[in-house]
């Protein structure tokens, strides 16, 4: 049993995070634009596999490890915040590029490499690590039943939201990139918006003193 409030909460958090440009979006958009929708969807399968790895770890009690060793949790959170700040700087620095700017010419990767890169990109994504280590446990209520089952349901909710939005991004990346290319001012707006949001999340993570539940 799991509360509707918990499922709605994790769904909203998942939606907010997937709409914030980050490593997953950058990789999926670049592959979709340069190699086509099929390549983008194969890459998305790799991203999905990364979500499953995080979900399995969370269900197996990863959060317990970070609760027992708070310094390790803090180190990972600060590292993630630093990485997000670096991404923010890459977006707003002179010569920075938009997520949807036409990327440089990339060699076509075979399906196996597309899948592997999608998997690795997601596993190294600090936003997803923070989501599963810090945020998802806050919606688990031991009084409502098995904690592992609740973790699976909440994680499945997050994955469903993330894959739906990322799938739409893959399918529409080429058309959106072409539209923005005809209006360069919007590319600059998107860059600065991306940098501001990423920097805001980084500062919030670094200042947050909460511990995993």
N, C-alpha and C. Protein backbone atom coordinates (compact mmCIF):
# COMPACT_ATOMS: atom_id res chain seq x y z
N UNK A 1 0.85 -1.19 0.00
CA UNK A 1 0.00 0.00 0.00
C UNK A 1 0.88 1.25 0.00
N UNK A 2 0.49 2.23 -0.79
CA UNK A 2 1.25 3.47 -0.84
C UNK A 2 0.28 4.62 -1.00
N UNK A 3 0.59 5.75 -0.40
CA UNK A 3 -0.35 6.87 -0.42
C UNK A 3 -0.33 7.59 -1.76
N UNK A 4 -1.49 8.14 -2.13
CA UNK A 4 -1.60 8.93 -3.35
C UNK A 4 -0.71 10.16 -3.27
N UNK A 5 -0.61 10.72 -2.07
CA UNK A 5 0.23 11.90 -1.85
C UNK A 5 1.69 11.59 -2.20
N UNK A 6 2.17 10.42 -1.80
CA UNK A 6 3.56 10.05 -2.07
C UNK A 6 3.79 9.88 -3.57
N UNK A 7 2.87 9.22 -4.25
CA UNK A 7 3.03 9.01 -5.69
C UNK A 7 2.97 10.33 -6.46
N UNK A 8 2.05 11.21 -6.07
CA UNK A 8 1.94 12.51 -6.72
C UNK A 8 3.20 13.33 -6.47
N UNK A 9 3.73 13.27 -5.25
CA UNK A 9 4.92 14.04 -4.91
C UNK A 9 6.13 13.61 -5.72
N UNK A 10 6.36 12.30 -5.81
CA UNK A 10 7.53 11.83 -6.55
C UNK A 10 7.35 12.07 -8.04
N UNK A 11 6.10 12.03 -8.53
CA UNK A 11 5.84 12.30 -9.95
C UNK A 11 6.16 13.76 -10.28
N UNK A 12 5.79 14.68 -9.40
CA UNK A 12 6.07 16.10 -9.64
C UNK A 12 7.58 16.37 -9.61
N UNK A 13 8.26 15.75 -8.65
CA UNK A 13 9.71 15.92 -8.56
C UNK A 13 10.38 15.36 -9.82
N UNK A 14 9.93 14.18 -10.25
CA UNK A 14 10.50 13.56 -11.46
C UNK A 14 10.27 14.44 -12.68
N UNK A 15 9.08 15.03 -12.77
CA UNK A 15 8.77 15.91 -13.91
C UNK A 15 9.66 17.14 -13.90
N UNK A 16 9.83 17.75 -12.73
CA UNK A 16 10.68 18.93 -12.63
C UNK A 16 12.12 18.64 -13.00
N UNK A 17 12.63 17.47 -12.57
CA UNK A 17 14.02 17.14 -12.84
C UNK A 17 14.25 16.78 -14.30
N UNK A 18 13.30 16.06 -14.92
CA UNK A 18 13.50 15.66 -16.31
C UNK A 18 13.38 16.85 -17.25
N UNK A 19 12.62 17.87 -16.85
CA UNK A 19 12.48 19.06 -17.69
C UNK A 19 13.66 20.02 -17.52
N UNK A 20 14.49 19.79 -16.51
CA UNK A 20 15.68 20.60 -16.30
C UNK A 20 16.83 20.02 -17.12
N UNK A 21 17.38 20.77 -18.06
CA UNK A 21 18.45 20.22 -18.90
C UNK A 21 19.60 19.68 -18.07
N UNK A 22 20.07 18.52 -18.45
CA UNK A 22 21.17 17.88 -17.74
C UNK A 22 21.84 16.87 -18.66
N UNK A 23 22.69 16.01 -18.11
CA UNK A 23 23.45 15.06 -18.94
C UNK A 23 22.57 14.17 -19.81
N UNK A 24 21.48 13.64 -19.25
CA UNK A 24 20.61 12.77 -20.05
C UNK A 24 20.03 13.51 -21.25
N UNK A 25 19.48 14.70 -21.01
CA UNK A 25 18.89 15.47 -22.10
C UNK A 25 19.93 15.84 -23.14
N UNK A 26 21.10 16.27 -22.69
CA UNK A 26 22.16 16.65 -23.62
C UNK A 26 22.52 15.49 -24.53
N UNK A 27 22.67 14.30 -23.95
CA UNK A 27 23.07 13.14 -24.75
C UNK A 27 21.95 12.72 -25.71
N UNK A 28 20.73 12.64 -25.20
CA UNK A 28 19.61 12.19 -26.04
C UNK A 28 19.35 13.15 -27.19
N UNK A 29 19.40 14.45 -26.90
CA UNK A 29 19.16 15.44 -27.95
C UNK A 29 20.26 15.39 -29.01
N UNK A 30 21.51 15.31 -28.57
CA UNK A 30 22.62 15.30 -29.53
C UNK A 30 22.54 14.10 -30.45
N UNK A 31 22.22 12.94 -29.89
CA UNK A 31 22.13 11.73 -30.72
C UNK A 31 20.91 11.78 -31.64
N UNK A 32 19.81 12.31 -31.15
CA UNK A 32 18.60 12.37 -31.97
C UNK A 32 18.78 13.31 -33.15
N UNK A 33 19.50 14.42 -32.94
CA UNK A 33 19.70 15.40 -34.01
C UNK A 33 20.71 14.90 -35.03
N UNK A 34 21.81 14.31 -34.56
CA UNK A 34 22.89 13.94 -35.47
C UNK A 34 22.70 12.57 -36.12
N UNK A 35 21.97 11.67 -35.43
CA UNK A 35 21.89 10.30 -35.93
C UNK A 35 20.45 9.82 -36.14
N UNK A 36 19.47 10.64 -35.76
CA UNK A 36 18.09 10.26 -36.02
C UNK A 36 17.34 9.75 -34.80
N UNK A 37 16.02 9.65 -34.96
CA UNK A 37 15.17 9.24 -33.85
C UNK A 37 15.47 7.83 -33.36
N UNK A 38 15.77 6.92 -34.28
CA UNK A 38 16.06 5.55 -33.88
C UNK A 38 17.24 5.50 -32.92
N UNK A 39 18.29 6.26 -33.23
CA UNK A 39 19.46 6.30 -32.35
C UNK A 39 19.10 6.91 -31.00
N UNK A 40 18.25 7.95 -31.03
CA UNK A 40 17.81 8.56 -29.79
C UNK A 40 17.02 7.59 -28.92
N UNK A 41 16.16 6.79 -29.54
CA UNK A 41 15.35 5.84 -28.78
C UNK A 41 16.20 4.69 -28.22
N UNK A 42 17.20 4.25 -28.99
CA UNK A 42 18.11 3.22 -28.47
C UNK A 42 18.89 3.76 -27.27
N UNK A 43 19.34 5.01 -27.39
CA UNK A 43 20.04 5.66 -26.27
C UNK A 43 19.12 5.76 -25.06
N UNK A 44 17.84 6.02 -25.31
CA UNK A 44 16.87 6.12 -24.22
C UNK A 44 16.71 4.79 -23.51
N UNK A 45 16.82 3.68 -24.23
CA UNK A 45 16.76 2.36 -23.60
C UNK A 45 17.92 2.20 -22.61
N UNK A 46 19.09 2.73 -22.97
CA UNK A 46 20.23 2.70 -22.05
C UNK A 46 19.97 3.53 -20.81
N UNK A 47 19.36 4.71 -21.01
CA UNK A 47 18.99 5.56 -19.87
C UNK A 47 18.01 4.82 -18.96
N UNK A 48 17.04 4.12 -19.57
CA UNK A 48 16.07 3.35 -18.79
C UNK A 48 16.76 2.28 -17.96
N UNK A 49 17.75 1.61 -18.54
CA UNK A 49 18.49 0.60 -17.80
C UNK A 49 19.22 1.22 -16.60
N UNK A 50 19.71 2.44 -16.77
CA UNK A 50 20.36 3.13 -15.66
C UNK A 50 19.39 3.41 -14.53
N UNK A 51 18.15 3.81 -14.88
CA UNK A 51 17.13 4.01 -13.85
C UNK A 51 16.88 2.72 -13.08
N UNK A 52 16.84 1.60 -13.78
CA UNK A 52 16.59 0.31 -13.12
C UNK A 52 17.71 -0.06 -12.16
N UNK A 53 18.95 0.29 -12.53
CA UNK A 53 20.08 0.03 -11.63
C UNK A 53 19.92 0.82 -10.33
N UNK A 54 19.59 2.10 -10.46
CA UNK A 54 19.38 2.94 -9.28
C UNK A 54 18.22 2.42 -8.43
N UNK A 55 17.14 2.00 -9.10
CA UNK A 55 15.98 1.50 -8.37
C UNK A 55 16.32 0.23 -7.61
N UNK A 56 17.08 -0.67 -8.25
CA UNK A 56 17.48 -1.91 -7.58
C UNK A 56 18.35 -1.61 -6.36
N UNK A 57 19.26 -0.64 -6.52
CA UNK A 57 20.14 -0.28 -5.40
C UNK A 57 19.35 0.34 -4.25
N UNK A 58 18.40 1.20 -4.60
CA UNK A 58 17.58 1.85 -3.56
C UNK A 58 16.74 0.82 -2.84
N UNK A 59 16.16 -0.12 -3.58
CA UNK A 59 15.33 -1.15 -2.98
C UNK A 59 16.16 -2.07 -2.09
N UNK A 60 17.41 -2.28 -2.46
CA UNK A 60 18.28 -3.17 -1.68
C UNK A 60 18.80 -2.51 -0.41
N UNK A 61 18.51 -1.24 -0.24
CA UNK A 61 18.91 -0.59 1.00
C UNK A 61 20.10 0.33 0.91
N UNK A 62 20.34 0.90 -0.29
CA UNK A 62 21.47 1.81 -0.45
C UNK A 62 21.38 2.99 0.52
N UNK A 63 20.16 3.47 0.74
CA UNK A 63 19.98 4.63 1.61
C UNK A 63 20.47 4.33 3.02
N UNK A 64 20.33 3.08 3.45
CA UNK A 64 20.79 2.70 4.79
C UNK A 64 22.28 2.93 4.94
N UNK A 65 23.03 2.65 3.86
CA UNK A 65 24.48 2.85 3.89
C UNK A 65 24.81 4.32 4.11
N UNK A 66 24.14 5.21 3.39
CA UNK A 66 24.40 6.63 3.52
C UNK A 66 23.92 7.18 4.87
N UNK A 67 22.89 6.55 5.42
CA UNK A 67 22.44 6.97 6.74
C UNK A 67 23.47 6.60 7.80
N UNK A 68 24.10 5.43 7.62
CA UNK A 68 25.11 4.97 8.58
C UNK A 68 26.41 5.73 8.43
N UNK A 69 26.69 6.23 7.21
CA UNK A 69 27.94 6.97 6.96
C UNK A 69 27.57 8.34 6.38
N UNK A 70 27.13 9.29 7.22
CA UNK A 70 26.68 10.60 6.73
C UNK A 70 27.73 11.34 5.90
N UNK A 71 29.01 11.15 6.24
CA UNK A 71 30.06 11.86 5.50
C UNK A 71 30.09 11.44 4.04
N UNK A 72 29.82 10.17 3.78
CA UNK A 72 29.81 9.68 2.41
C UNK A 72 28.64 10.31 1.64
N UNK A 73 27.50 10.37 2.28
CA UNK A 73 26.32 11.00 1.66
C UNK A 73 26.60 12.47 1.35
N UNK A 74 27.20 13.19 2.31
CA UNK A 74 27.51 14.61 2.10
C UNK A 74 28.50 14.80 0.97
N UNK A 75 29.51 13.92 0.90
CA UNK A 75 30.51 14.03 -0.15
C UNK A 75 29.89 13.85 -1.53
N UNK A 76 29.00 12.86 -1.67
CA UNK A 76 28.36 12.62 -2.95
C UNK A 76 27.46 13.80 -3.33
N UNK A 77 26.74 14.32 -2.34
CA UNK A 77 25.84 15.44 -2.62
C UNK A 77 26.62 16.68 -3.06
N UNK A 78 27.74 16.98 -2.39
CA UNK A 78 28.55 18.13 -2.76
C UNK A 78 29.21 17.94 -4.12
N UNK A 79 29.62 16.71 -4.40
CA UNK A 79 30.19 16.42 -5.72
C UNK A 79 29.15 16.65 -6.81
N UNK A 80 27.93 16.22 -6.54
CA UNK A 80 26.85 16.43 -7.50
C UNK A 80 26.57 17.91 -7.69
N UNK A 81 26.58 18.67 -6.60
CA UNK A 81 26.35 20.11 -6.69
C UNK A 81 27.45 20.78 -7.51
N UNK A 82 28.69 20.35 -7.29
CA UNK A 82 29.80 20.91 -8.07
C UNK A 82 29.68 20.60 -9.55
N UNK A 83 29.22 19.39 -9.86
CA UNK A 83 29.05 19.01 -11.25
C UNK A 83 27.96 19.84 -11.92
N UNK A 84 26.87 20.07 -11.20
CA UNK A 84 25.79 20.88 -11.75
C UNK A 84 26.25 22.32 -11.99
N UNK A 85 27.08 22.85 -11.08
CA UNK A 85 27.62 24.19 -11.28
C UNK A 85 28.51 24.24 -12.53
N UNK A 86 29.26 23.19 -12.75
CA UNK A 86 30.11 23.12 -13.94
C UNK A 86 29.25 23.12 -15.19
N UNK A 87 28.14 22.35 -15.18
CA UNK A 87 27.23 22.34 -16.31
C UNK A 87 26.61 23.72 -16.53
N UNK A 88 26.28 24.40 -15.43
CA UNK A 88 25.70 25.74 -15.53
C UNK A 88 26.70 26.70 -16.20
N UNK A 89 27.97 26.61 -15.81
CA UNK A 89 28.99 27.47 -16.40
C UNK A 89 29.18 27.15 -17.89
N UNK A 90 29.15 25.88 -18.24
CA UNK A 90 29.28 25.51 -19.64
C UNK A 90 28.15 26.10 -20.48
N UNK A 91 26.98 26.27 -19.87
CA UNK A 91 25.83 26.81 -20.60
C UNK A 91 25.95 28.32 -20.81
N UNK A 92 26.43 29.06 -19.80
CA UNK A 92 26.38 30.52 -19.87
C UNK A 92 27.71 31.16 -20.25
N UNK A 93 28.80 30.39 -20.24
CA UNK A 93 30.10 30.98 -20.56
C UNK A 93 30.12 31.48 -21.99
N UNK A 94 31.00 32.45 -22.29
CA UNK A 94 31.14 32.92 -23.67
C UNK A 94 31.46 31.76 -24.60
N UNK A 95 30.70 31.62 -25.63
CA UNK A 95 30.91 30.51 -26.55
C UNK A 95 30.14 29.26 -26.18
N UNK A 96 29.38 29.31 -25.07
CA UNK A 96 28.58 28.17 -24.67
C UNK A 96 27.48 27.90 -25.67
N UNK A 97 26.95 26.68 -25.63
CA UNK A 97 25.93 26.30 -26.60
C UNK A 97 24.66 25.86 -25.90
N UNK A 98 23.56 25.94 -26.63
CA UNK A 98 22.26 25.50 -26.13
C UNK A 98 22.13 23.99 -26.27
N UNK A 99 21.26 23.41 -25.46
CA UNK A 99 20.99 21.98 -25.59
C UNK A 99 20.52 21.65 -27.00
N UNK A 100 19.71 22.55 -27.58
CA UNK A 100 19.12 22.29 -28.88
C UNK A 100 19.86 22.97 -30.03
N UNK A 101 21.04 23.52 -29.76
CA UNK A 101 21.84 24.08 -30.85
C UNK A 101 22.34 22.94 -31.73
N UNK A 102 22.46 23.17 -33.03
CA UNK A 102 22.99 22.11 -33.91
C UNK A 102 24.37 21.67 -33.42
N UNK A 103 24.53 20.41 -33.01
CA UNK A 103 25.82 19.96 -32.47
C UNK A 103 26.85 19.77 -33.57
N UNK A 104 28.11 19.66 -33.15
CA UNK A 104 29.15 19.39 -34.14
C UNK A 104 28.92 18.00 -34.73
N UNK A 105 29.50 17.77 -35.87
CA UNK A 105 29.29 16.49 -36.55
C UNK A 105 29.88 15.37 -35.70
N UNK A 106 29.07 14.36 -35.42
CA UNK A 106 29.50 13.24 -34.61
C UNK A 106 29.49 11.96 -35.45
N UNK A 107 30.45 11.06 -35.21
CA UNK A 107 30.42 9.79 -35.95
C UNK A 107 29.21 8.97 -35.51
N UNK A 108 28.64 8.22 -36.46
CA UNK A 108 27.48 7.39 -36.16
C UNK A 108 27.92 6.21 -35.30
N UNK A 109 27.26 6.03 -34.16
CA UNK A 109 27.58 4.93 -33.26
C UNK A 109 26.66 3.75 -33.52
N UNK A 110 27.16 2.53 -33.35
CA UNK A 110 26.31 1.35 -33.50
C UNK A 110 25.34 1.25 -32.31
N UNK A 111 24.25 0.47 -32.46
CA UNK A 111 23.26 0.37 -31.38
C UNK A 111 23.85 -0.01 -30.02
N UNK A 112 24.81 -0.92 -29.99
CA UNK A 112 25.38 -1.35 -28.71
C UNK A 112 26.04 -0.18 -27.99
N UNK A 113 26.76 0.64 -28.72
CA UNK A 113 27.43 1.79 -28.10
C UNK A 113 26.40 2.85 -27.69
N UNK A 114 25.37 3.05 -28.49
CA UNK A 114 24.33 4.00 -28.13
C UNK A 114 23.68 3.61 -26.80
N UNK A 115 23.37 2.33 -26.66
CA UNK A 115 22.76 1.83 -25.43
C UNK A 115 23.72 2.01 -24.25
N UNK A 116 24.98 1.62 -24.46
CA UNK A 116 25.97 1.70 -23.38
C UNK A 116 26.19 3.14 -22.93
N UNK A 117 26.27 4.07 -23.88
CA UNK A 117 26.49 5.46 -23.52
C UNK A 117 25.27 6.05 -22.80
N UNK A 118 24.07 5.64 -23.21
CA UNK A 118 22.87 6.07 -22.48
C UNK A 118 22.89 5.57 -21.05
N UNK A 119 23.30 4.31 -20.87
CA UNK A 119 23.39 3.72 -19.52
C UNK A 119 24.41 4.46 -18.66
N UNK A 120 25.62 4.65 -19.20
CA UNK A 120 26.69 5.30 -18.43
C UNK A 120 26.33 6.75 -18.12
N UNK A 121 25.77 7.45 -19.10
CA UNK A 121 25.38 8.85 -18.88
C UNK A 121 24.40 8.97 -17.71
N UNK A 122 23.44 8.05 -17.64
CA UNK A 122 22.46 8.10 -16.56
C UNK A 122 23.06 7.71 -15.22
N UNK A 123 23.91 6.68 -15.22
CA UNK A 123 24.53 6.25 -13.97
C UNK A 123 25.42 7.34 -13.37
N UNK A 124 26.00 8.18 -14.23
CA UNK A 124 26.89 9.25 -13.75
C UNK A 124 26.16 10.58 -13.60
N UNK A 125 24.85 10.56 -13.75
CA UNK A 125 24.05 11.78 -13.65
C UNK A 125 23.79 12.12 -12.19
N UNK A 126 24.36 13.21 -11.67
CA UNK A 126 24.19 13.52 -10.24
C UNK A 126 22.75 13.80 -9.84
N UNK A 127 21.95 14.31 -10.77
CA UNK A 127 20.54 14.59 -10.44
C UNK A 127 19.82 13.30 -10.09
N UNK A 128 20.08 12.22 -10.83
CA UNK A 128 19.40 10.96 -10.58
C UNK A 128 19.91 10.33 -9.29
N UNK A 129 21.21 10.44 -9.05
CA UNK A 129 21.76 9.91 -7.80
C UNK A 129 21.12 10.60 -6.60
N UNK A 130 21.02 11.91 -6.65
CA UNK A 130 20.40 12.66 -5.54
C UNK A 130 18.93 12.28 -5.39
N UNK A 131 18.25 12.09 -6.52
CA UNK A 131 16.83 11.72 -6.47
C UNK A 131 16.64 10.43 -5.69
N UNK A 132 17.43 9.40 -6.01
CA UNK A 132 17.24 8.09 -5.38
C UNK A 132 17.83 8.01 -3.98
N UNK A 133 18.90 8.76 -3.74
CA UNK A 133 19.55 8.69 -2.43
C UNK A 133 18.86 9.58 -1.40
N UNK A 134 18.40 10.76 -1.85
CA UNK A 134 17.92 11.75 -0.90
C UNK A 134 16.42 12.00 -0.96
N UNK A 135 15.85 12.07 -2.16
CA UNK A 135 14.46 12.49 -2.28
C UNK A 135 13.45 11.36 -2.18
N UNK A 136 13.67 10.29 -2.93
CA UNK A 136 12.70 9.19 -2.93
C UNK A 136 12.43 8.62 -1.53
N UNK A 137 13.46 8.44 -0.69
CA UNK A 137 13.19 7.88 0.65
C UNK A 137 12.25 8.74 1.50
N UNK A 138 12.17 10.05 1.20
CA UNK A 138 11.32 10.92 2.00
C UNK A 138 9.83 10.58 1.83
N UNK A 139 9.48 9.86 0.75
CA UNK A 139 8.08 9.55 0.48
C UNK A 139 7.69 8.13 0.94
N UNK A 140 8.63 7.44 1.55
CA UNK A 140 8.34 6.09 2.05
C UNK A 140 7.80 6.18 3.47
N UNK A 141 6.69 5.52 3.70
CA UNK A 141 6.05 5.51 5.02
C UNK A 141 6.02 4.07 5.53
N UNK A 142 6.94 3.68 6.43
CA UNK A 142 7.01 2.30 6.91
C UNK A 142 5.69 1.78 7.48
N UNK A 143 4.88 2.68 8.04
CA UNK A 143 3.61 2.24 8.63
C UNK A 143 2.63 1.72 7.59
N UNK A 144 2.85 2.04 6.32
CA UNK A 144 1.92 1.63 5.27
C UNK A 144 2.25 0.28 4.65
N UNK A 145 3.35 -0.33 5.07
CA UNK A 145 3.68 -1.64 4.53
C UNK A 145 5.14 -1.80 4.17
N UNK A 146 5.43 -2.83 3.40
CA UNK A 146 6.79 -3.20 3.03
C UNK A 146 7.53 -2.03 2.38
N UNK A 147 8.68 -1.68 2.95
CA UNK A 147 9.46 -0.55 2.45
C UNK A 147 10.00 -0.83 1.04
N UNK A 148 10.43 -2.07 0.79
CA UNK A 148 10.97 -2.41 -0.53
C UNK A 148 9.90 -2.27 -1.61
N UNK A 149 8.68 -2.69 -1.31
CA UNK A 149 7.59 -2.57 -2.28
C UNK A 149 7.28 -1.10 -2.56
N UNK A 150 7.28 -0.29 -1.50
CA UNK A 150 7.04 1.14 -1.68
C UNK A 150 8.14 1.76 -2.54
N UNK A 151 9.39 1.35 -2.32
CA UNK A 151 10.50 1.86 -3.13
C UNK A 151 10.30 1.51 -4.60
N UNK A 152 9.87 0.28 -4.86
CA UNK A 152 9.65 -0.16 -6.24
C UNK A 152 8.54 0.65 -6.90
N UNK A 153 7.44 0.87 -6.19
CA UNK A 153 6.31 1.61 -6.77
C UNK A 153 6.70 3.06 -7.03
N UNK A 154 7.36 3.69 -6.06
CA UNK A 154 7.77 5.09 -6.25
C UNK A 154 8.80 5.21 -7.36
N UNK A 155 9.75 4.27 -7.39
CA UNK A 155 10.75 4.30 -8.44
C UNK A 155 10.14 4.08 -9.81
N UNK A 156 9.17 3.17 -9.90
CA UNK A 156 8.49 2.92 -11.17
C UNK A 156 7.74 4.16 -11.63
N UNK A 157 7.17 4.90 -10.69
CA UNK A 157 6.48 6.15 -11.03
C UNK A 157 7.46 7.16 -11.62
N UNK A 158 8.61 7.31 -10.98
CA UNK A 158 9.63 8.24 -11.48
C UNK A 158 10.11 7.82 -12.86
N UNK A 159 10.34 6.53 -13.06
CA UNK A 159 10.84 6.04 -14.34
C UNK A 159 9.81 6.28 -15.44
N UNK A 160 8.53 6.04 -15.14
CA UNK A 160 7.48 6.24 -16.14
C UNK A 160 7.43 7.70 -16.59
N UNK A 161 7.53 8.63 -15.63
CA UNK A 161 7.50 10.05 -15.97
C UNK A 161 8.73 10.43 -16.80
N UNK A 162 9.90 9.99 -16.35
CA UNK A 162 11.15 10.35 -17.02
C UNK A 162 11.21 9.81 -18.45
N UNK A 163 10.81 8.55 -18.62
CA UNK A 163 10.88 7.95 -19.96
C UNK A 163 9.86 8.57 -20.91
N UNK A 164 8.68 8.91 -20.39
CA UNK A 164 7.67 9.54 -21.24
C UNK A 164 8.16 10.89 -21.76
N UNK A 165 8.67 11.73 -20.85
CA UNK A 165 9.14 13.06 -21.25
C UNK A 165 10.37 12.95 -22.15
N UNK A 166 11.32 12.09 -21.77
CA UNK A 166 12.52 11.94 -22.60
C UNK A 166 12.18 11.38 -23.97
N UNK A 167 11.19 10.48 -24.04
CA UNK A 167 10.77 9.95 -25.33
C UNK A 167 10.21 11.04 -26.22
N UNK A 168 9.42 11.93 -25.66
CA UNK A 168 8.87 13.05 -26.43
C UNK A 168 9.98 13.99 -26.89
N UNK A 169 10.99 14.18 -26.02
CA UNK A 169 12.13 15.03 -26.39
C UNK A 169 12.89 14.42 -27.57
N UNK A 170 13.11 13.10 -27.52
CA UNK A 170 13.80 12.42 -28.61
C UNK A 170 13.04 12.58 -29.93
N UNK A 171 11.73 12.37 -29.88
CA UNK A 171 10.92 12.43 -31.09
C UNK A 171 10.83 13.85 -31.67
N UNK A 172 10.90 14.85 -30.78
CA UNK A 172 10.74 16.23 -31.26
C UNK A 172 12.02 17.04 -31.33
N UNK A 173 13.17 16.42 -30.99
CA UNK A 173 14.42 17.18 -30.92
C UNK A 173 14.80 17.82 -32.25
N UNK A 174 14.69 17.06 -33.33
CA UNK A 174 15.09 17.59 -34.63
C UNK A 174 14.26 18.79 -35.05
N UNK A 175 12.93 18.67 -34.90
CA UNK A 175 12.05 19.77 -35.30
C UNK A 175 12.27 21.00 -34.43
N UNK A 176 12.46 20.78 -33.10
CA UNK A 176 12.67 21.91 -32.20
C UNK A 176 14.00 22.59 -32.47
N UNK A 177 15.03 21.79 -32.76
CA UNK A 177 16.34 22.36 -33.07
C UNK A 177 16.28 23.22 -34.33
N UNK A 178 15.54 22.74 -35.33
CA UNK A 178 15.41 23.51 -36.57
C UNK A 178 14.66 24.82 -36.32
N UNK A 179 13.62 24.77 -35.49
CA UNK A 179 12.86 25.97 -35.16
C UNK A 179 13.73 27.00 -34.44
N UNK A 180 14.49 26.53 -33.45
CA UNK A 180 15.34 27.43 -32.69
C UNK A 180 16.48 27.98 -33.54
N UNK A 181 16.95 27.18 -34.50
CA UNK A 181 18.03 27.65 -35.38
C UNK A 181 17.58 28.85 -36.21
N UNK A 182 16.29 28.93 -36.49
CA UNK A 182 15.76 30.06 -37.26
C UNK A 182 15.54 31.28 -36.38
N UNK A 183 15.62 31.08 -35.06
CA UNK A 183 15.43 32.19 -34.11
C UNK A 183 16.57 32.14 -33.07
N UNK A 184 17.77 32.60 -33.44
CA UNK A 184 18.95 32.48 -32.56
C UNK A 184 18.75 33.09 -31.18
N UNK A 185 17.92 34.12 -31.06
CA UNK A 185 17.71 34.75 -29.75
C UNK A 185 17.16 33.75 -28.75
N UNK A 186 16.29 32.84 -29.21
CA UNK A 186 15.70 31.85 -28.32
C UNK A 186 16.74 30.84 -27.85
N UNK A 187 17.75 30.58 -28.68
CA UNK A 187 18.84 29.71 -28.25
C UNK A 187 19.58 30.31 -27.08
N UNK A 188 19.82 31.62 -27.13
CA UNK A 188 20.52 32.29 -26.02
C UNK A 188 19.66 32.28 -24.77
N UNK A 189 18.36 32.51 -24.93
CA UNK A 189 17.46 32.47 -23.78
C UNK A 189 17.49 31.09 -23.13
N UNK A 190 17.44 30.04 -23.97
CA UNK A 190 17.44 28.68 -23.44
C UNK A 190 18.74 28.38 -22.70
N UNK A 191 19.88 28.89 -23.24
CA UNK A 191 21.16 28.67 -22.58
C UNK A 191 21.17 29.28 -21.19
N UNK A 192 20.77 30.54 -21.09
CA UNK A 192 20.82 31.23 -19.80
C UNK A 192 19.79 30.67 -18.82
N UNK A 193 18.65 30.25 -19.33
CA UNK A 193 17.65 29.63 -18.48
C UNK A 193 18.19 28.31 -17.93
N UNK A 194 18.81 27.53 -18.78
CA UNK A 194 19.40 26.28 -18.37
C UNK A 194 20.46 26.51 -17.29
N UNK A 195 21.36 27.47 -17.54
CA UNK A 195 22.42 27.75 -16.57
C UNK A 195 21.88 28.21 -15.24
N UNK A 196 20.85 29.05 -15.26
CA UNK A 196 20.26 29.56 -14.01
C UNK A 196 19.62 28.45 -13.21
N UNK A 197 18.86 27.60 -13.88
CA UNK A 197 18.19 26.49 -13.18
C UNK A 197 19.20 25.52 -12.58
N UNK A 198 20.22 25.14 -13.36
CA UNK A 198 21.22 24.22 -12.86
C UNK A 198 21.98 24.81 -11.67
N UNK A 199 22.32 26.09 -11.75
CA UNK A 199 23.02 26.74 -10.64
C UNK A 199 22.14 26.79 -9.40
N UNK A 200 20.84 27.06 -9.60
CA UNK A 200 19.92 27.10 -8.47
C UNK A 200 19.82 25.76 -7.77
N UNK A 201 19.74 24.68 -8.55
CA UNK A 201 19.67 23.34 -7.96
C UNK A 201 20.97 23.02 -7.23
N UNK A 202 22.10 23.41 -7.81
CA UNK A 202 23.40 23.15 -7.18
C UNK A 202 23.51 23.84 -5.83
N UNK A 203 23.13 25.11 -5.77
CA UNK A 203 23.19 25.86 -4.52
C UNK A 203 22.25 25.25 -3.48
N UNK A 204 21.07 24.84 -3.92
CA UNK A 204 20.11 24.22 -2.99
C UNK A 204 20.67 22.92 -2.43
N UNK A 205 21.31 22.10 -3.29
CA UNK A 205 21.88 20.85 -2.82
C UNK A 205 23.01 21.10 -1.82
N UNK A 206 23.87 22.06 -2.14
CA UNK A 206 25.01 22.33 -1.28
C UNK A 206 24.58 22.88 0.08
N UNK A 207 23.49 23.66 0.10
CA UNK A 207 23.03 24.27 1.34
C UNK A 207 22.13 23.35 2.16
N UNK A 208 21.58 22.33 1.52
CA UNK A 208 20.64 21.44 2.20
C UNK A 208 21.37 20.60 3.25
N UNK A 209 20.86 20.60 4.47
CA UNK A 209 21.48 19.84 5.56
C UNK A 209 20.70 18.57 5.88
N UNK A 210 19.70 18.25 5.05
CA UNK A 210 18.90 17.05 5.32
C UNK A 210 19.72 15.79 5.10
N UNK A 211 19.34 14.75 5.80
CA UNK A 211 19.98 13.46 5.65
C UNK A 211 18.97 12.46 5.09
N UNK A 212 19.45 11.39 4.42
CA UNK A 212 18.51 10.42 3.89
C UNK A 212 17.72 9.76 4.99
N UNK A 213 16.41 9.54 4.73
CA UNK A 213 15.55 8.97 5.76
C UNK A 213 15.86 7.51 5.96
